[in-house]
Amino acid sequence: MDIQTLTRFFMWCTIMNGALLVLWTMMCLVAPDFVYRTQSKWFPIPRETYDVVMYSFLGLFKIVFLVFNVVPFIALLIVG
């Protein structure tokens, strides 16, 4: 596997995961009640607990996205 193929791979991973992060963030900002009602049908938890869990996962996903997608992509751009 050459650097250009790996760079393209990480580019598409960054684009797709970045889009997922933006979509998830927008859903939490624009329609939090809709998302809570939808999720509370499957997992009956209080609203306060739901907010903490949702924002914790959002923060964790952001950190994982940066570390495992953006940083390798930028490193490959610098090396290539």
PDB file of N, CA and C in Angstrom:
ATOM      1  N   MET A   1       0.854  -1.176   0.000  1.00  0.00           N
ATOM      2  CA  MET A   1       0.000   0.000   0.000  1.00  0.00           C
ATOM      3  C   MET A   1       0.899   1.237   0.000  1.00  0.00           C
ATOM      4  N   ASP A   2       0.666   2.123  -0.929  1.00  0.00           N
ATOM      5  CA  ASP A   2       1.505   3.313  -1.024  1.00  0.00           C
ATOM      6  C   ASP A   2       0.885   4.479  -0.244  1.00  0.00           C
ATOM      7  N   ILE A   3       1.645   5.544  -0.102  1.00  0.00           N
ATOM      8  CA  ILE A   3       1.223   6.695   0.702  1.00  0.00           C
ATOM      9  C   ILE A   3       0.000   7.377   0.098  1.00  0.00           C
ATOM     10  N   GLN A   4      -0.086   7.418  -1.220  1.00  0.00           N
ATOM     11  CA  GLN A   4      -1.227   8.098  -1.854  1.00  0.00           C
ATOM     12  C   GLN A   4      -2.531   7.362  -1.584  1.00  0.00           C
ATOM     13  N   THR A   5      -2.505   6.029  -1.624  1.00  0.00           N
ATOM     14  CA  THR A   5      -3.706   5.246  -1.313  1.00  0.00           C
ATOM     15  C   THR A   5      -4.097   5.432   0.143  1.00  0.00           C
ATOM     16  N   LEU A   6      -3.124   5.406   1.018  1.00  0.00           N
ATOM     17  CA  LEU A   6      -3.390   5.605   2.443  1.00  0.00           C
ATOM     18  C   LEU A   6      -3.911   7.009   2.713  1.00  0.00           C
ATOM     19  N   THR A   7      -3.380   7.995   2.027  1.00  0.00           N
ATOM     20  CA  THR A   7      -3.852   9.372   2.179  1.00  0.00           C
ATOM     21  C   THR A   7      -5.301   9.501   1.724  1.00  0.00           C
ATOM     22  N   ARG A   8      -5.632   8.875   0.588  1.00  0.00           N
ATOM     23  CA  ARG A   8      -7.020   8.905   0.116  1.00  0.00           C
ATOM     24  C   ARG A   8      -7.952   8.212   1.099  1.00  0.00           C
ATOM     25  N   PHE A   9      -7.491   7.078   1.660  1.00  0.00           N
ATOM     26  CA  PHE A   9      -8.287   6.356   2.648  1.00  0.00           C
ATOM     27  C   PHE A   9      -8.605   7.239   3.847  1.00  0.00           C
ATOM     28  N   PHE A  10      -7.580   7.874   4.412  1.00  0.00           N
ATOM     29  CA  PHE A  10      -7.800   8.733   5.570  1.00  0.00           C
ATOM     30  C   PHE A  10      -8.582   9.993   5.208  1.00  0.00           C
ATOM     31  N   MET A  11      -8.455  10.464   3.976  1.00  0.00           N
ATOM     32  CA  MET A  11      -9.254  11.606   3.548  1.00  0.00           C
ATOM     33  C   MET A  11     -10.735  11.253   3.580  1.00  0.00           C
ATOM     34  N   TRP A  12     -11.107  10.094   3.019  1.00  0.00           N
ATOM     35  CA  TRP A  12     -12.508   9.700   3.008  1.00  0.00           C
ATOM     36  C   TRP A  12     -13.009   9.344   4.403  1.00  0.00           C
ATOM     37  N   CYS A  13     -12.156   8.749   5.225  1.00  0.00           N
ATOM     38  CA  CYS A  13     -12.545   8.488   6.619  1.00  0.00           C
ATOM     39  C   CYS A  13     -12.823   9.798   7.351  1.00  0.00           C
ATOM     40  N   THR A  14     -11.972  10.790   7.122  1.00  0.00           N
ATOM     41  CA  THR A  14     -12.157  12.090   7.754  1.00  0.00           C
ATOM     42  C   THR A  14     -13.427  12.761   7.268  1.00  0.00           C
ATOM     43  N   ILE A  15     -13.704  12.692   5.973  1.00  0.00           N
ATOM     44  CA  ILE A  15     -14.913  13.311   5.427  1.00  0.00           C
ATOM     45  C   ILE A  15     -16.165  12.637   5.982  1.00  0.00           C
ATOM     46  N   MET A  16     -16.207  11.311   5.951  1.00  0.00           N
ATOM     47  CA  MET A  16     -17.408  10.603   6.409  1.00  0.00           C
ATOM     48  C   MET A  16     -17.628  10.750   7.913  1.00  0.00           C
ATOM     49  N   ASN A  17     -16.575  10.593   8.697  1.00  0.00           N
ATOM     50  CA  ASN A  17     -16.727  10.731  10.140  1.00  0.00           C
ATOM     51  C   ASN A  17     -16.976  12.183  10.541  1.00  0.00           C
ATOM     52  N   GLY A  18     -16.393  13.127   9.806  1.00  0.00           N
ATOM     53  CA  GLY A  18     -16.671  14.538  10.069  1.00  0.00           C
ATOM     54  C   GLY A  18     -18.121  14.881   9.774  1.00  0.00           C
ATOM     55  N   ALA A  19     -18.664  14.327   8.695  1.00  0.00           N
ATOM     56  CA  ALA A  19     -20.073  14.546   8.373  1.00  0.00           C
ATOM     57  C   ALA A  19     -20.978  13.945   9.443  1.00  0.00           C
ATOM     58  N   LEU A  20     -20.626  12.770   9.935  1.00  0.00           N
ATOM     59  CA  LEU A  20     -21.393  12.147  11.004  1.00  0.00           C
ATOM     60  C   LEU A  20     -21.337  12.989  12.277  1.00  0.00           C
ATOM     61  N   LEU A  21     -20.170  13.521  12.601  1.00  0.00           N
ATOM     62  CA  LEU A  21     -20.028  14.379  13.774  1.00  0.00           C
ATOM     63  C   LEU A  21     -20.854  15.649  13.637  1.00  0.00           C
ATOM     64  N   VAL A  22     -20.828  16.263  12.466  1.00  0.00           N
ATOM     65  CA  VAL A  22     -21.618  17.483  12.238  1.00  0.00           C
ATOM     66  C   VAL A  22     -23.104  17.177  12.311  1.00  0.00           C
ATOM     67  N   LEU A  23     -23.533  16.073  11.692  1.00  0.00           N
ATOM     68  CA  LEU A  23     -24.954  15.695  11.733  1.00  0.00           C
ATOM     69  C   LEU A  23     -25.414  15.442  13.157  1.00  0.00           C
ATOM     70  N   TRP A  24     -24.627  14.701  13.912  1.00  0.00           N
ATOM     71  CA  TRP A  24     -24.971  14.390  15.293  1.00  0.00           C
ATOM     72  C   TRP A  24     -25.043  15.673  16.131  1.00  0.00           C
ATOM     73  N   THR A  25     -24.076  16.556  15.948  1.00  0.00           N
ATOM     74  CA  THR A  25     -24.069  17.817  16.682  1.00  0.00           C
ATOM     75  C   THR A  25     -25.271  18.673  16.317  1.00  0.00           C
ATOM     76  N   MET A  26     -25.588  18.755  15.030  1.00  0.00           N
ATOM     77  CA  MET A  26     -26.743  19.555  14.595  1.00  0.00           C
ATOM     78  C   MET A  26     -28.046  18.991  15.143  1.00  0.00           C
ATOM     79  N   MET A  27     -28.165  17.677  15.169  1.00  0.00           N
ATOM     80  CA  MET A  27     -29.375  17.067  15.722  1.00  0.00           C
ATOM     81  C   MET A  27     -29.515  17.378  17.210  1.00  0.00           C
ATOM     82  N   CYS A  28     -28.395  17.384  17.919  1.00  0.00           N
ATOM     83  CA  CYS A  28     -28.444  17.695  19.354  1.00  0.00           C
ATOM     84  C   CYS A  28     -28.738  19.174  19.599  1.00  0.00           C
ATOM     85  N   LEU A  29     -28.328  20.040  18.684  1.00  0.00           N
ATOM     86  CA  LEU A  29     -28.558  21.474  18.856  1.00  0.00           C
ATOM     87  C   LEU A  29     -29.918  21.926  18.339  1.00  0.00           C
ATOM     88  N   VAL A  30     -30.328  21.394  17.191  1.00  0.00           N
ATOM     89  CA  VAL A  30     -31.538  21.869  16.531  1.00  0.00           C
ATOM     90  C   VAL A  30     -32.785  21.185  17.064  1.00  0.00           C
ATOM     91  N   ALA A  31     -32.723  19.870  17.271  1.00  0.00           N
ATOM     92  CA  ALA A  31     -33.915  19.126  17.665  1.00  0.00           C
ATOM     93  C   ALA A  31     -33.648  18.212  18.855  1.00  0.00           C
ATOM     94  N   PRO A  32     -33.244  18.772  19.995  1.00  0.00           N
ATOM     95  CA  PRO A  32     -32.914  17.903  21.129  1.00  0.00           C
ATOM     96  C   PRO A  32     -34.129  17.157  21.687  1.00  0.00           C
ATOM     97  N   ASP A  33     -35.307  17.791  21.665  1.00  0.00           N
ATOM     98  CA  ASP A  33     -36.502  17.117  22.189  1.00  0.00           C
ATOM     99  C   ASP A  33     -36.917  15.952  21.305  1.00  0.00           C
ATOM    100  N   PHE A  34     -36.815  16.136  19.989  1.00  0.00           N
ATOM    101  CA  PHE A  34     -37.146  15.054  19.065  1.00  0.00           C
ATOM    102  C   PHE A  34     -36.215  13.860  19.255  1.00  0.00           C
ATOM    103  N   VAL A  35     -34.924  14.134  19.387  1.00  0.00           N
ATOM    104  CA  VAL A  35     -33.953  13.060  19.581  1.00  0.00           C
ATOM    105  C   VAL A  35     -34.197  12.368  20.912  1.00  0.00           C
ATOM    106  N   TYR A  36     -34.503  13.128  21.955  1.00  0.00           N
ATOM    107  CA  TYR A  36     -34.764  12.522  23.266  1.00  0.00           C
ATOM    108  C   TYR A  36     -36.015  11.652  23.217  1.00  0.00           C
ATOM    109  N   ARG A  37     -37.086  12.148  22.602  1.00  0.00           N
ATOM    110  CA  ARG A  37     -38.318  11.353  22.515  1.00  0.00           C
ATOM    111  C   ARG A  37     -38.084  10.054  21.746  1.00  0.00           C
ATOM    112  N   THR A  38     -37.328  10.151  20.674  1.00  0.00           N
ATOM    113  CA  THR A  38     -37.041   8.956  19.878  1.00  0.00           C
ATOM    114  C   THR A  38     -36.229   7.948  20.685  1.00  0.00           C
ATOM    115  N   GLN A  39     -35.187   8.413  21.362  1.00  0.00           N
ATOM    116  CA  GLN A  39     -34.326   7.517  22.118  1.00  0.00           C
ATOM    117  C   GLN A  39     -35.003   6.995  23.381  1.00  0.00           C
ATOM    118  N   SER A  40     -35.839   7.796  24.009  1.00  0.00           N
ATOM    119  CA  SER A  40     -36.467   7.365  25.263  1.00  0.00           C
ATOM    120  C   SER A  40     -37.504   6.273  25.031  1.00  0.00           C
ATOM    121  N   LYS A  41     -37.943   6.078  23.793  1.00  0.00           N
ATOM    122  CA  LYS A  41     -38.832   4.944  23.514  1.00  0.00           C
ATOM    123  C   LYS A  41     -38.072   3.632  23.628  1.00  0.00           C
ATOM    124  N   TRP A  42     -36.784   3.629  23.280  1.00  0.00           N
ATOM    125  CA  TRP A  42     -35.971   2.423  23.352  1.00  0.00           C
ATOM    126  C   TRP A  42     -35.288   2.273  24.702  1.00  0.00           C
ATOM    127  N   PHE A  43     -34.807   3.385  25.259  1.00  0.00           N
ATOM    128  CA  PHE A  43     -34.054   3.367  26.509  1.00  0.00           C
ATOM    129  C   PHE A  43     -34.695   4.351  27.480  1.00  0.00           C
ATOM    130  N   PRO A  44     -35.534   3.882  28.383  1.00  0.00           N
ATOM    131  CA  PRO A  44     -36.215   4.804  29.305  1.00  0.00           C
ATOM    132  C   PRO A  44     -35.263   5.340  30.376  1.00  0.00           C
ATOM    133  N   ILE A  45     -34.721   6.544  30.130  1.00  0.00           N
ATOM    134  CA  ILE A  45     -33.841   7.187  31.100  1.00  0.00           C
ATOM    135  C   ILE A  45     -34.318   8.622  31.302  1.00  0.00           C
ATOM    136  N   PRO A  46     -34.012   9.203  32.456  1.00  0.00           N
ATOM    137  CA  PRO A  46     -34.395  10.606  32.690  1.00  0.00           C
ATOM    138  C   PRO A  46     -33.670  11.553  31.731  1.00  0.00           C
ATOM    139  N   ARG A  47     -34.273  12.706  31.517  1.00  0.00           N
ATOM    140  CA  ARG A  47     -33.728  13.677  30.571  1.00  0.00           C
ATOM    141  C   ARG A  47     -32.333  14.154  30.977  1.00  0.00           C
ATOM    142  N   GLU A  48     -32.103  14.366  32.255  1.00  0.00           N
ATOM    143  CA  GLU A  48     -30.804  14.854  32.706  1.00  0.00           C
ATOM    144  C   GLU A  48     -29.709  13.824  32.427  1.00  0.00           C
ATOM    145  N   THR A  49     -30.009  12.561  32.673  1.00  0.00           N
ATOM    146  CA  THR A  49     -29.044  11.494  32.399  1.00  0.00           C
ATOM    147  C   THR A  49     -28.794  11.386  30.907  1.00  0.00           C
ATOM    148  N   TYR A  50     -29.845  11.512  30.118  1.00  0.00           N
ATOM    149  CA  TYR A  50     -29.718  11.456  28.664  1.00  0.00           C
ATOM    150  C   TYR A  50     -28.808  12.570  28.154  1.00  0.00           C
ATOM    151  N   ASP A  51     -28.990  13.778  28.669  1.00  0.00           N
ATOM    152  CA  ASP A  51     -28.156  14.898  28.233  1.00  0.00           C
ATOM    153  C   ASP A  51     -26.680  14.651  28.537  1.00  0.00           C
ATOM    154  N   VAL A  52     -26.407  14.147  29.733  1.00  0.00           N
ATOM    155  CA  VAL A  52     -25.018  13.874  30.116  1.00  0.00           C
ATOM    156  C   VAL A  52     -24.426  12.787  29.223  1.00  0.00           C
ATOM    157  N   VAL A  53     -25.170  11.718  28.997  1.00  0.00           N
ATOM    158  CA  VAL A  53     -24.682  10.623  28.159  1.00  0.00           C
ATOM    159  C   VAL A  53     -24.458  11.097  26.725  1.00  0.00           C
ATOM    160  N   MET A  54     -25.408  11.836  26.172  1.00  0.00           N
ATOM    161  CA  MET A  54     -25.309  12.276  24.778  1.00  0.00           C
ATOM    162  C   MET A  54     -24.105  13.203  24.579  1.00  0.00           C
ATOM    163  N   TYR A  55     -23.927  14.171  25.448  1.00  0.00           N
ATOM    164  CA  TYR A  55     -22.813  15.095  25.294  1.00  0.00           C
ATOM    165  C   TYR A  55     -21.477  14.444  25.620  1.00  0.00           C
ATOM    166  N   SER A  56     -21.479  13.453  26.508  1.00  0.00           N
ATOM    167  CA  SER A  56     -20.245  12.712  26.779  1.00  0.00           C
ATOM    168  C   SER A  56     -19.823  11.908  25.559  1.00  0.00           C
ATOM    169  N   PHE A  57     -20.774  11.221  24.939  1.00  0.00           N
ATOM    170  CA  PHE A  57     -20.451  10.465  23.732  1.00  0.00           C
ATOM    171  C   PHE A  57     -20.055  11.385  22.591  1.00  0.00           C
ATOM    172  N   LEU A  58     -20.675  12.532  22.506  1.00  0.00           N
ATOM    173  CA  LEU A  58     -20.321  13.490  21.462  1.00  0.00           C
ATOM    174  C   LEU A  58     -18.882  13.979  21.650  1.00  0.00           C
ATOM    175  N   GLY A  59     -18.507  14.278  22.870  1.00  0.00           N
ATOM    176  CA  GLY A  59     -17.131  14.688  23.158  1.00  0.00           C
ATOM    177  C   GLY A  59     -16.133  13.571  22.908  1.00  0.00           C
ATOM    178  N   LEU A  60     -16.484  12.343  23.296  1.00  0.00           N
ATOM    179  CA  LEU A  60     -15.604  11.204  23.052  1.00  0.00           C
ATOM    180  C   LEU A  60     -15.429  10.961  21.562  1.00  0.00           C
ATOM    181  N   PHE A  61     -16.520  11.052  20.803  1.00  0.00           N
ATOM    182  CA  PHE A  61     -16.435  10.853  19.356  1.00  0.00           C
ATOM    183  C   PHE A  61     -15.568  11.921  18.706  1.00  0.00           C
ATOM    184  N   LYS A  62     -15.667  13.158  19.203  1.00  0.00           N
ATOM    185  CA  LYS A  62     -14.850  14.237  18.659  1.00  0.00           C
ATOM    186  C   LYS A  62     -13.358  13.975  18.898  1.00  0.00           C
ATOM    187  N   ILE A  63     -13.010  13.520  20.085  1.00  0.00           N
ATOM    188  CA  ILE A  63     -11.614  13.229  20.398  1.00  0.00           C
ATOM    189  C   ILE A  63     -11.106  12.073  19.537  1.00  0.00           C
ATOM    190  N   VAL A  64     -11.893  11.010  19.427  1.00  0.00           N
ATOM    191  CA  VAL A  64     -11.506   9.851  18.620  1.00  0.00           C
ATOM    192  C   VAL A  64     -11.385  10.248  17.147  1.00  0.00           C
ATOM    193  N   PHE A  65     -12.301  11.094  16.674  1.00  0.00           N
ATOM    194  CA  PHE A  65     -12.260  11.586  15.297  1.00  0.00           C
ATOM    195  C   PHE A  65     -10.968  12.350  15.031  1.00  0.00           C
ATOM    196  N   LEU A  66     -10.608  13.227  15.927  1.00  0.00           N
ATOM    197  CA  LEU A  66      -9.384  14.001  15.740  1.00  0.00           C
ATOM    198  C   LEU A  66      -8.135  13.128  15.787  1.00  0.00           C
ATOM    199  N   VAL A  67      -8.079  12.229  16.752  1.00  0.00           N
ATOM    200  CA  VAL A  67      -6.873  11.427  16.945  1.00  0.00           C
ATOM    201  C   VAL A  67      -6.694  10.378  15.852  1.00  0.00           C
ATOM    202  N   PHE A  68      -7.778   9.709  15.449  1.00  0.00           N
ATOM    203  CA  PHE A  68      -7.649   8.585  14.532  1.00  0.00           C
ATOM    204  C   PHE A  68      -7.993   8.900  13.079  1.00  0.00           C
ATOM    205  N   ASN A  69      -8.485  10.098  12.786  1.00  0.00           N
ATOM    206  CA  ASN A  69      -8.799  10.451  11.408  1.00  0.00           C
ATOM    207  C   ASN A  69      -8.028  11.678  10.933  1.00  0.00           C
ATOM    208  N   VAL A  70      -8.173  12.781  11.643  1.00  0.00           N
ATOM    209  CA  VAL A  70      -7.601  14.042  11.190  1.00  0.00           C
ATOM    210  C   VAL A  70      -6.080  14.044  11.318  1.00  0.00           C
ATOM    211  N   VAL A  71      -5.568  13.610  12.457  1.00  0.00           N
ATOM    212  CA  VAL A  71      -4.124  13.637  12.670  1.00  0.00           C
ATOM    213  C   VAL A  71      -3.378  12.733  11.680  1.00  0.00           C
ATOM    214  N   PRO A  72      -3.811  11.469  11.470  1.00  0.00           N
ATOM    215  CA  PRO A  72      -3.101  10.667  10.460  1.00  0.00           C
ATOM    216  C   PRO A  72      -3.210  11.249   9.056  1.00  0.00           C
ATOM    217  N   PHE A  73      -4.357  11.835   8.720  1.00  0.00           N
ATOM    218  CA  PHE A  73      -4.522  12.433   7.395  1.00  0.00           C
ATOM    219  C   PHE A  73      -3.556  13.601   7.201  1.00  0.00           C
ATOM    220  N   ILE A  74      -3.453  14.459   8.202  1.00  0.00           N
ATOM    221  CA  ILE A  74      -2.531  15.596   8.111  1.00  0.00           C
ATOM    222  C   ILE A  74      -1.076  15.109   8.066  1.00  0.00           C
ATOM    223  N   ALA A  75      -0.761  14.101   8.853  1.00  0.00           N
ATOM    224  CA  ALA A  75       0.608  13.556   8.833  1.00  0.00           C
ATOM    225  C   ALA A  75       0.953  12.976   7.467  1.00  0.00           C
ATOM    226  N   LEU A  76       0.013  12.284   6.855  1.00  0.00           N
ATOM    227  CA  LEU A  76       0.261  11.724   5.524  1.00  0.00           C
ATOM    228  C   LEU A  76       0.384  12.823   4.470  1.00  0.00           C
ATOM    229  N   LEU A  77      -0.375  13.916   4.637  1.00  0.00           N
ATOM    230  CA  LEU A  77      -0.232  15.036   3.710  1.00  0.00           C
ATOM    231  C   LEU A  77       1.153  15.665   3.829  1.00  0.00           C
ATOM    232  N   ILE A  78       1.652  15.762   5.049  1.00  0.00           N
ATOM    233  CA  ILE A  78       2.981  16.353   5.259  1.00  0.00           C
ATOM    234  C   ILE A  78       4.060  15.445   4.692  1.00  0.00           C
ATOM    235  N   VAL A  79       3.947  14.136   4.951  1.00  0.00           N
ATOM    236  CA  VAL A  79       4.952  13.190   4.484  1.00  0.00           C
ATOM    237  C   VAL A  79       4.915  13.041   2.967  1.00  0.00           C
ATOM    238  N   GLY A  80       3.695  13.008   2.408  1.00  0.00           N
ATOM    239  CA  GLY A  80       3.548  12.786   0.971  1.00  0.00           C
ATOM    240  C   GLY A  80       3.897  14.001   0.205  1.00  0.00           C
TER     241      GLY A  80
END
